Amino acid sequence: MDLSDDARSLHPDLVALRRELHREPEVGLELPRTRDRVLAALQGLPLEITEGESTTSVTAVLRGTATGGGDGPVVLLRGDMDGLPVAESSGDDFAARTGTMHACGHDLHTSALAGAAQLLCAHRDRLAGDVVFMFQPGEEGWDGAGRMIDEGVLTAAGRRADHAYGLHVFANRMPRGAVTTRPGVFLSASHALDVTVHGAGGHGSNPHTARDPIAAAAEMITSLQTMVTRRFDMFDPVVLTVGVVHAGTRRNVIPDTARFEATVRSFSDTHATLLPAFVREVCDGVAAAHGVRAEVDWHDEYPRTVNDAGEVGFATGVCTELLGADRFTLAPDPISGSEDFSRVLDAIPGAFLGMGACPAGTDPDGAPMNHSPLARFDDAVLGDAAALHASLAATRLAPAVSA
């Protein structure tokens, strides 16, 4: 089933939806305006729609009516909907003015999934099984996928989904419209580190009479960077980045406490297990040397995103048939970003794919990346993204041909 022509006819509507979403991003698990726009886009389609109880999620089920429909396989397709607390500086005429931003392209994900729903509804008589559309809030650190799983999204069709697919756009690194994925680990696991250093405040002119938590925190930050290169194999890397540092009120006052937060990424279960103890060892050792105390809070966020090898082979075939072999490549290495779609793939075999959305005429290697206030995404890819989503489901649910 070639859905490209149908997707091209939907393209203007998908662009309009994407730009509406982009103007008013919402952050976290409560996205009421985004949910309402999704529901409006799905209105009139033959879907069984339920809304989340603990979030503003939307789950829609399409019942295929081809031979075997209702008893055939179930395919889950996912699109995340939340933005980020980033003030947009993209320069687009539809840029958000709210202090928040769709800096990771979730507005494209949502619009493409709505487009896939429209495409598949138009061909439900050719689907020998059911499709679950998972419109998810709270991907950016809120574990929205976990919330939806707890509320039953994996069995929304009345039986457990058999296959699951997700798609993520990238503002840089990939040419516009290019698609990639890989079998096995595709994205890293993510962990959160929050360290509070407790010292003793005093006058900045007499540091020897105080216990300076800022100096200790600074040494912890540099020691942690060294630790990940000395305690872990470079061929199974660990990434640690400190993104928040808070301490002090005036330049001549030594405060009682200093605090920093880091994101940590790992690619193997072995290293994910070792990391908390190594981090505490470094922080406690530096604290002891400075006569202060370190309070270390470690939290595992998302597991690794692991693609099923068979599903990657299947998705490769669908993508090359739909878009051409020149637009698909197997990624040689995992990506150090993380995703809560990993929770879906932990439960159901499937594949997560990446698609380039770098604006036309822009060098992907020099373009601002996802999460940057300057990030820009070309919505010219929306038709292809919707068609790819729909083709993955339609090919899986094609009726068997009798011998």
Protein backbone atom coordinates (compact mmCIF):
# COMPACT_ATOMS: atom_id res chain seq x y z
CA MET A 1 0.00 0.00 0.00
CA ASP A 2 1.71 3.21 -1.21
CA LEU A 3 0.38 6.04 0.92
CA SER A 4 2.63 8.77 -0.49
CA ASP A 5 0.01 10.36 -2.75
CA ASP A 6 -2.56 10.47 0.03
CA ALA A 7 0.03 11.97 2.37
CA ARG A 8 0.86 14.72 -0.12
CA SER A 9 -2.79 15.75 -0.24
CA LEU A 10 -2.82 15.99 3.58
CA HIS A 11 0.40 17.98 3.75
CA PRO A 12 -1.08 21.51 3.96
CA ASP A 13 -3.35 20.49 6.84
CA LEU A 14 -0.45 18.86 8.67
CA VAL A 15 1.68 21.99 8.28
CA ALA A 16 -1.16 24.12 9.65
CA LEU A 17 -1.57 21.80 12.65
CA ARG A 18 2.15 21.72 13.31
CA ARG A 19 2.40 25.52 13.31
CA GLU A 20 -0.59 25.87 15.63
CA LEU A 21 1.11 23.51 18.05
CA HIS A 22 4.43 25.30 17.64
CA ARG A 23 3.00 28.70 18.58
CA GLU A 24 1.74 27.44 21.96
CA PRO A 25 3.98 24.73 23.38
CA GLU A 26 3.03 23.16 26.69
CA VAL A 27 5.44 21.47 29.08
CA GLY A 28 5.11 18.32 31.17
CA LEU A 29 2.18 15.98 31.66
CA GLU A 30 -0.65 18.52 31.43
CA LEU A 31 -1.07 19.76 27.86
CA PRO A 32 -4.75 20.74 27.58
CA ARG A 33 -4.50 22.95 24.49
CA THR A 34 -2.35 20.41 22.68
CA ARG A 35 -4.76 17.61 23.59
CA ASP A 36 -7.71 19.63 22.30
CA ARG A 37 -5.97 20.25 18.98
CA VAL A 38 -5.23 16.55 18.62
CA LEU A 39 -8.85 15.66 19.37
CA ALA A 40 -10.00 18.20 16.77
CA ALA A 41 -7.65 16.67 14.19
CA LEU A 42 -9.09 13.21 14.88
CA GLN A 43 -12.73 14.32 14.94
CA GLY A 44 -14.97 12.39 12.59
CA LEU A 45 -12.55 9.51 12.10
CA PRO A 46 -13.68 5.94 12.93
CA LEU A 47 -11.55 5.76 16.07
CA GLU A 48 -12.15 4.62 19.63
CA ILE A 49 -10.68 7.49 21.65
CA THR A 50 -9.83 7.56 25.33
CA GLU A 51 -8.15 10.31 27.33
CA GLY A 52 -5.65 9.81 30.11
CA GLU A 53 -6.64 9.87 33.76
CA SER A 54 -3.39 11.16 35.25
CA THR A 55 -2.20 13.10 32.17
CA THR A 56 -3.65 14.77 29.09
CA SER A 57 -2.75 11.79 26.92
CA VAL A 58 -4.88 10.64 23.99
CA THR A 59 -5.16 7.02 22.88
CA ALA A 60 -7.02 6.20 19.67
CA VAL A 61 -7.76 2.70 18.36
CA LEU A 62 -8.54 1.95 14.71
CA ARG A 63 -10.22 -1.38 14.01
CA GLY A 64 -9.15 -2.87 10.68
CA THR A 65 -12.00 -4.38 8.68
CA ALA A 66 -10.11 -6.62 6.24
CA THR A 67 -10.27 -10.38 6.64
CA GLY A 68 -8.98 -11.14 10.10
CA GLY A 69 -9.57 -7.61 11.37
CA GLY A 70 -10.39 -7.68 15.05
CA ASP A 71 -8.42 -10.88 15.58
CA GLY A 72 -5.24 -9.96 13.74
CA PRO A 73 -2.08 -8.29 15.01
CA VAL A 74 -2.03 -4.95 16.81
CA VAL A 75 0.42 -2.22 15.84
CA LEU A 76 1.17 0.70 18.18
CA LEU A 77 2.36 4.03 16.75
CA ARG A 78 3.57 6.76 19.08
CA GLY A 79 3.95 10.53 18.90
CA ASP A 80 5.04 12.69 21.84
CA MET A 81 3.44 16.10 22.33
CA ASP A 82 5.31 18.17 24.96
CA GLY A 83 7.64 21.12 24.57
CA LEU A 84 10.53 22.44 26.65
CA PRO A 85 11.07 25.39 29.02
CA VAL A 86 13.26 27.11 26.41
CA ALA A 87 12.68 30.67 25.15
CA GLU A 88 12.58 30.41 21.36
CA SER A 89 15.03 32.38 19.19
CA SER A 90 14.51 30.53 15.89
CA GLY A 91 13.27 33.55 13.96
CA ASP A 92 10.37 31.60 12.42
CA ASP A 93 7.27 33.71 11.90
CA PHE A 94 5.26 31.15 13.87
CA ALA A 95 7.78 31.01 16.73
CA ALA A 96 6.45 30.69 20.27
CA ARG A 97 6.33 33.83 22.40
CA THR A 98 5.47 32.01 25.62
CA GLY A 99 8.94 31.33 27.05
CA THR A 100 8.50 27.68 26.05
CA MET A 101 9.44 26.01 22.78
CA HIS A 102 9.00 22.91 20.68
CA ALA A 103 12.78 22.68 20.58
CA CYS A 104 12.80 18.91 20.08
CA GLY A 105 10.31 18.63 17.23
CA HIS A 106 7.46 17.04 19.14
CA ASP A 107 5.04 19.30 17.28
CA LEU A 108 6.10 17.48 14.10
CA HIS A 109 5.74 14.10 15.81
CA THR A 110 2.19 14.89 16.91
CA SER A 111 1.14 16.24 13.51
CA ALA A 112 2.66 13.31 11.63
CA LEU A 113 0.87 10.81 13.87
CA ALA A 114 -2.43 12.64 13.35
CA GLY A 115 -1.75 12.43 9.62
CA ALA A 116 -1.03 8.70 9.87
CA ALA A 117 -4.36 8.22 11.64
CA GLN A 118 -6.17 9.95 8.79
CA LEU A 119 -4.31 7.89 6.18
CA LEU A 120 -5.00 4.57 7.87
CA CYS A 121 -8.64 5.38 8.58
CA ALA A 122 -9.12 5.94 4.85
CA HIS A 123 -7.78 2.42 4.22
CA ARG A 124 -9.17 0.51 7.19
CA ASP A 125 -10.74 -2.02 4.79
CA ARG A 126 -7.19 -3.09 3.92
CA LEU A 127 -6.03 -3.63 7.51
CA ALA A 128 -6.25 -7.16 8.91
CA GLY A 129 -5.69 -6.03 12.47
CA ASP A 130 -5.85 -2.94 14.68
CA VAL A 131 -3.76 0.19 15.20
CA VAL A 132 -3.21 2.02 18.49
CA PHE A 133 -2.24 5.70 18.16
CA MET A 134 -0.36 6.82 21.29
CA PHE A 135 -0.37 10.62 21.68
CA GLN A 136 1.91 11.05 24.67
CA PRO A 137 2.65 14.02 26.96
CA GLY A 138 5.64 14.35 29.24
CA GLU A 139 8.49 12.77 27.27
CA GLU A 140 11.00 15.44 28.31
CA GLY A 141 11.88 13.95 31.69
CA TRP A 142 8.34 13.34 32.98
CA ASP A 143 8.03 9.65 31.98
CA GLY A 144 4.78 10.15 30.13
CA ALA A 145 5.23 6.79 28.41
CA GLY A 146 5.40 5.08 31.80
CA ARG A 147 2.19 6.83 32.84
CA MET A 148 0.40 5.72 29.68
CA ILE A 149 1.64 2.15 30.07
CA ASP A 150 0.34 2.11 33.64
CA GLU A 151 -3.04 3.25 32.31
CA GLY A 152 -3.15 0.44 29.72
CA VAL A 153 -2.02 1.89 26.39
CA LEU A 154 -0.29 -1.35 25.43
CA THR A 155 -3.59 -3.24 25.66
CA ALA A 156 -5.85 -0.44 24.43
CA ALA A 157 -7.06 -2.59 21.52
CA GLY A 158 -8.29 -5.26 23.94
CA ARG A 159 -5.19 -7.38 23.50
CA ARG A 160 -1.51 -6.60 23.82
CA ALA A 161 0.16 -4.83 20.91
CA ASP A 162 2.43 -7.03 18.81
CA HIS A 163 4.59 -4.36 17.17
CA ALA A 164 5.53 -0.78 18.14
CA TYR A 165 7.07 2.03 16.11
CA GLY A 166 8.16 5.57 16.91
CA LEU A 167 9.80 8.34 14.89
CA HIS A 168 11.94 11.29 16.01
CA VAL A 169 13.01 14.30 13.93
CA PHE A 170 16.43 15.92 14.14
CA ALA A 171 17.25 19.58 13.45
CA ASN A 172 20.88 18.81 12.61
CA ARG A 173 23.32 16.00 11.78
CA MET A 174 20.97 14.46 9.18
CA PRO A 175 19.91 15.83 5.78
CA ARG A 176 16.25 16.73 5.42
CA GLY A 177 14.12 13.64 4.82
CA ALA A 178 16.88 11.10 5.55
CA VAL A 179 15.90 8.21 7.84
CA THR A 180 18.09 6.13 10.12
CA THR A 181 17.92 3.49 12.82
CA ARG A 182 19.92 0.50 13.97
CA PRO A 183 19.32 -2.90 15.59
CA GLY A 184 20.07 -3.23 19.28
CA VAL A 185 20.87 -0.16 21.36
CA PHE A 186 19.81 2.96 19.45
CA LEU A 187 19.62 5.49 22.31
CA SER A 188 21.33 5.65 25.68
CA ALA A 189 19.84 5.24 29.13
CA SER A 190 19.52 8.47 31.12
CA HIS A 191 20.19 9.10 34.80
CA ALA A 192 19.79 12.23 36.92
CA LEU A 193 22.41 13.36 39.44
CA ASP A 194 21.71 16.04 42.06
CA VAL A 195 24.49 16.89 44.52
CA THR A 196 24.22 19.31 47.47
CA VAL A 197 27.48 20.18 49.20
CA HIS A 198 27.08 21.20 52.84
CA GLY A 199 29.87 23.38 54.20
CA ALA A 200 30.13 26.27 56.64
CA GLY A 201 29.68 29.84 55.48
CA GLY A 202 31.91 32.77 56.25
CA HIS A 203 33.61 35.91 54.95
CA GLY A 204 35.21 35.66 51.53
CA SER A 205 38.34 37.41 52.84
CA ASN A 206 38.92 34.64 55.41
CA PRO A 207 38.19 31.33 53.67
CA HIS A 208 40.31 29.39 56.14
CA THR A 209 37.71 30.09 58.85
CA ALA A 210 34.90 28.61 56.72
CA ARG A 211 34.34 25.35 54.88
CA ASP A 212 33.82 26.47 51.29
CA PRO A 213 31.21 24.32 49.49
CA ILE A 214 31.78 26.10 46.16
CA ALA A 215 35.42 25.03 45.89
CA ALA A 216 34.45 21.48 46.79
CA ALA A 217 31.58 21.43 44.27
CA ALA A 218 33.88 22.73 41.53
CA GLU A 219 36.39 19.98 42.24
CA MET A 220 33.63 17.37 42.25
CA ILE A 221 32.48 18.53 38.82
CA THR A 222 35.94 18.22 37.28
CA SER A 223 36.67 14.95 39.12
CA LEU A 224 33.44 13.42 37.83
CA GLN A 225 34.44 14.29 34.26
CA THR A 226 37.76 12.55 34.80
CA MET A 227 36.09 9.58 36.47
CA VAL A 228 33.98 8.69 33.44
CA THR A 229 37.11 8.51 31.26
CA ARG A 230 39.16 6.53 33.77
CA ARG A 231 36.68 4.08 35.28
CA PHE A 232 34.78 3.13 32.11
CA ASP A 233 35.82 1.55 28.83
CA MET A 234 35.85 4.11 26.01
CA PHE A 235 34.15 1.54 23.77
CA ASP A 236 31.21 1.41 26.20
CA PRO A 237 31.09 5.10 27.01
CA VAL A 238 29.48 7.12 29.75
CA VAL A 239 28.50 10.78 29.25
CA LEU A 240 28.19 13.15 32.23
CA THR A 241 27.21 16.79 31.76
CA VAL A 242 26.57 19.30 34.55
CA GLY A 243 23.80 21.64 33.43
CA VAL A 244 22.88 23.42 36.68
CA VAL A 245 25.09 25.06 39.33
CA HIS A 246 23.67 27.12 42.22
CA ALA A 247 25.62 28.74 45.04
CA GLY A 248 26.01 31.99 46.88
CA THR A 249 24.41 35.43 46.99
CA ARG A 250 27.38 37.87 46.90
CA ARG A 251 30.97 37.69 45.75
CA ASN A 252 32.42 38.22 49.24
CA VAL A 253 30.19 35.71 51.06
CA ILE A 254 31.05 32.03 51.36
CA PRO A 255 27.69 30.23 51.48
CA ASP A 256 26.74 27.25 53.59
CA THR A 257 25.76 25.13 50.60
CA ALA A 258 26.38 24.69 46.90
CA ARG A 259 24.40 22.52 44.52
CA PHE A 260 24.80 21.11 41.03
CA GLU A 261 22.77 18.86 38.76
CA ALA A 262 23.99 16.61 35.96
CA THR A 263 22.56 14.36 33.30
CA VAL A 264 24.36 11.04 32.89
CA ARG A 265 24.03 8.68 29.90
CA SER A 266 25.04 5.03 29.63
CA PHE A 267 24.81 2.36 26.95
CA SER A 268 25.04 -0.89 28.90
CA ASP A 269 23.29 -2.39 31.89
CA THR A 270 26.70 -3.10 33.44
CA HIS A 271 27.72 0.54 33.49
CA ALA A 272 24.28 1.72 34.54
CA THR A 273 24.67 -0.53 37.60
CA LEU A 274 28.20 0.67 38.43
CA LEU A 275 27.62 4.39 38.00
CA PRO A 276 25.83 5.31 41.27
CA ALA A 277 28.56 3.84 43.48
CA PHE A 278 31.38 5.44 41.46
CA VAL A 279 29.69 8.86 41.53
CA ARG A 280 29.18 8.69 45.29
CA GLU A 281 32.78 7.57 45.79
CA VAL A 282 34.08 10.64 43.94
CA CYS A 283 31.77 13.11 45.66
CA ASP A 284 32.37 11.69 49.14
CA GLY A 285 36.14 11.61 48.60
CA VAL A 286 36.33 15.22 47.46
CA ALA A 287 34.02 16.27 50.29
CA ALA A 288 36.23 14.57 52.86
CA ALA A 289 39.31 16.33 51.47
CA HIS A 290 37.58 19.71 51.88
CA GLY A 291 36.01 19.03 55.26
CA VAL A 292 32.46 19.30 53.88
CA ARG A 293 29.65 16.81 53.31
CA ALA A 294 28.11 15.71 50.00
CA GLU A 295 24.45 14.76 49.75
CA VAL A 296 24.16 12.71 46.54
CA ASP A 297 20.79 11.98 44.96
CA TRP A 298 20.89 9.54 42.01
CA HIS A 299 17.80 8.75 39.95
CA ASP A 300 17.49 6.38 36.99
CA GLU A 301 15.24 8.05 34.41
CA TYR A 302 14.82 6.18 31.10
CA PRO A 303 16.32 2.82 30.13
CA ARG A 304 18.20 2.28 26.89
CA THR A 305 16.13 2.33 23.71
CA VAL A 306 16.72 -1.12 22.26
CA ASN A 307 15.42 -1.92 18.78
CA ASP A 308 14.43 -5.46 17.87
CA ALA A 309 16.69 -6.67 15.03
CA GLY A 310 13.82 -8.24 13.10
CA GLU A 311 11.73 -5.09 13.41
CA VAL A 312 14.64 -2.97 12.15
CA GLY A 313 14.89 -5.25 9.12
CA PHE A 314 11.17 -4.85 8.53
CA ALA A 315 11.28 -1.06 8.94
CA THR A 316 14.26 -0.85 6.59
CA GLY A 317 12.27 -2.61 3.89
CA VAL A 318 9.21 -0.40 4.39
CA CYS A 319 11.27 2.80 4.38
CA THR A 320 13.29 1.97 1.28
CA GLU A 321 10.15 0.91 -0.58
CA LEU A 322 8.33 4.11 0.40
CA LEU A 323 11.09 6.72 0.21
CA GLY A 324 13.89 5.09 -1.77
CA ALA A 325 17.07 3.32 -0.73
CA ASP A 326 19.08 6.54 -0.99
CA ARG A 327 17.18 8.06 1.93
CA PHE A 328 17.80 5.29 4.43
CA THR A 329 21.00 4.41 6.30
CA LEU A 330 21.74 2.13 9.22
CA ALA A 331 23.31 4.15 12.03
CA PRO A 332 26.79 2.81 12.83
CA ASP A 333 26.65 3.84 16.49
CA PRO A 334 24.03 4.55 19.15
CA ILE A 335 22.92 8.10 19.91
CA SER A 336 23.52 9.57 23.37
CA GLY A 337 20.02 11.05 23.61
CA SER A 338 17.41 9.15 25.62
CA GLU A 339 13.72 8.38 25.18
CA ASP A 340 10.86 7.04 27.26
CA PHE A 341 9.65 5.16 24.17
CA SER A 342 12.28 2.76 25.51
CA ARG A 343 9.64 1.58 27.99
CA VAL A 344 7.36 0.57 25.14
CA LEU A 345 10.19 -1.30 23.39
CA ASP A 346 11.06 -3.06 26.65
CA ALA A 347 7.57 -4.59 26.53
CA ILE A 348 6.87 -4.96 22.80
CA PRO A 349 9.21 -5.71 19.88
CA GLY A 350 9.53 -2.70 17.65
CA ALA A 351 11.80 -0.01 16.26
CA PHE A 352 12.50 3.65 16.88
CA LEU A 353 13.63 5.65 13.85
CA GLY A 354 15.17 9.06 13.26
CA MET A 355 14.31 11.45 10.40
CA GLY A 356 16.25 14.52 9.34
CA ALA A 357 14.25 17.77 9.45
CA CYS A 358 17.07 20.26 8.91
CA PRO A 359 15.72 23.24 6.93
CA ALA A 360 16.43 23.26 3.20
CA GLY A 361 19.62 25.09 2.31
CA THR A 362 21.11 24.60 5.79
CA ASP A 363 24.23 22.56 6.47
CA PRO A 364 23.11 19.78 8.85
CA ASP A 365 26.56 19.65 10.47
CA GLY A 366 26.44 23.34 11.40
CA ALA A 367 22.73 23.71 12.20
CA PRO A 368 21.56 24.27 15.81
CA MET A 369 20.66 20.97 17.42
CA ASN A 370 17.52 19.76 19.18
CA HIS A 371 16.92 21.60 22.50
CA SER A 372 18.66 24.75 21.26
CA PRO A 373 16.61 27.99 21.34
CA LEU A 374 17.79 28.42 17.74
CA ALA A 375 16.64 24.98 16.56
CA ARG A 376 14.53 24.95 13.40
CA PHE A 377 12.66 22.03 11.87
CA ASP A 378 11.44 21.89 8.27
CA ASP A 379 7.80 20.84 8.17
CA ALA A 380 8.26 19.79 4.54
CA VAL A 381 9.00 16.34 6.01
CA LEU A 382 5.53 15.97 7.54
CA GLY A 383 3.94 14.14 4.63
CA ASP A 384 6.76 11.60 4.50
CA ALA A 385 6.70 11.16 8.28
CA ALA A 386 2.95 10.51 8.25
CA ALA A 387 3.27 8.13 5.31
CA LEU A 388 6.12 6.24 7.01
CA HIS A 389 4.13 5.80 10.22
CA ALA A 390 1.11 4.62 8.24
CA SER A 391 3.11 2.33 5.96
CA LEU A 392 4.75 0.55 8.90
CA ALA A 393 1.30 -0.27 10.30
CA ALA A 394 -0.36 -1.01 6.96
CA THR A 395 2.41 -3.39 5.85
CA ARG A 396 2.27 -5.27 9.15
CA LEU A 397 -1.52 -5.54 8.89
CA ALA A 398 -1.82 -6.41 5.22
CA PRO A 399 -4.20 -9.38 4.74
CA ALA A 400 -2.53 -12.71 4.09
CA VAL A 401 -2.68 -13.83 0.46
CA SER A 402 -4.17 -17.29 0.03
CA ALA A 403 -2.09 -19.80 -1.90
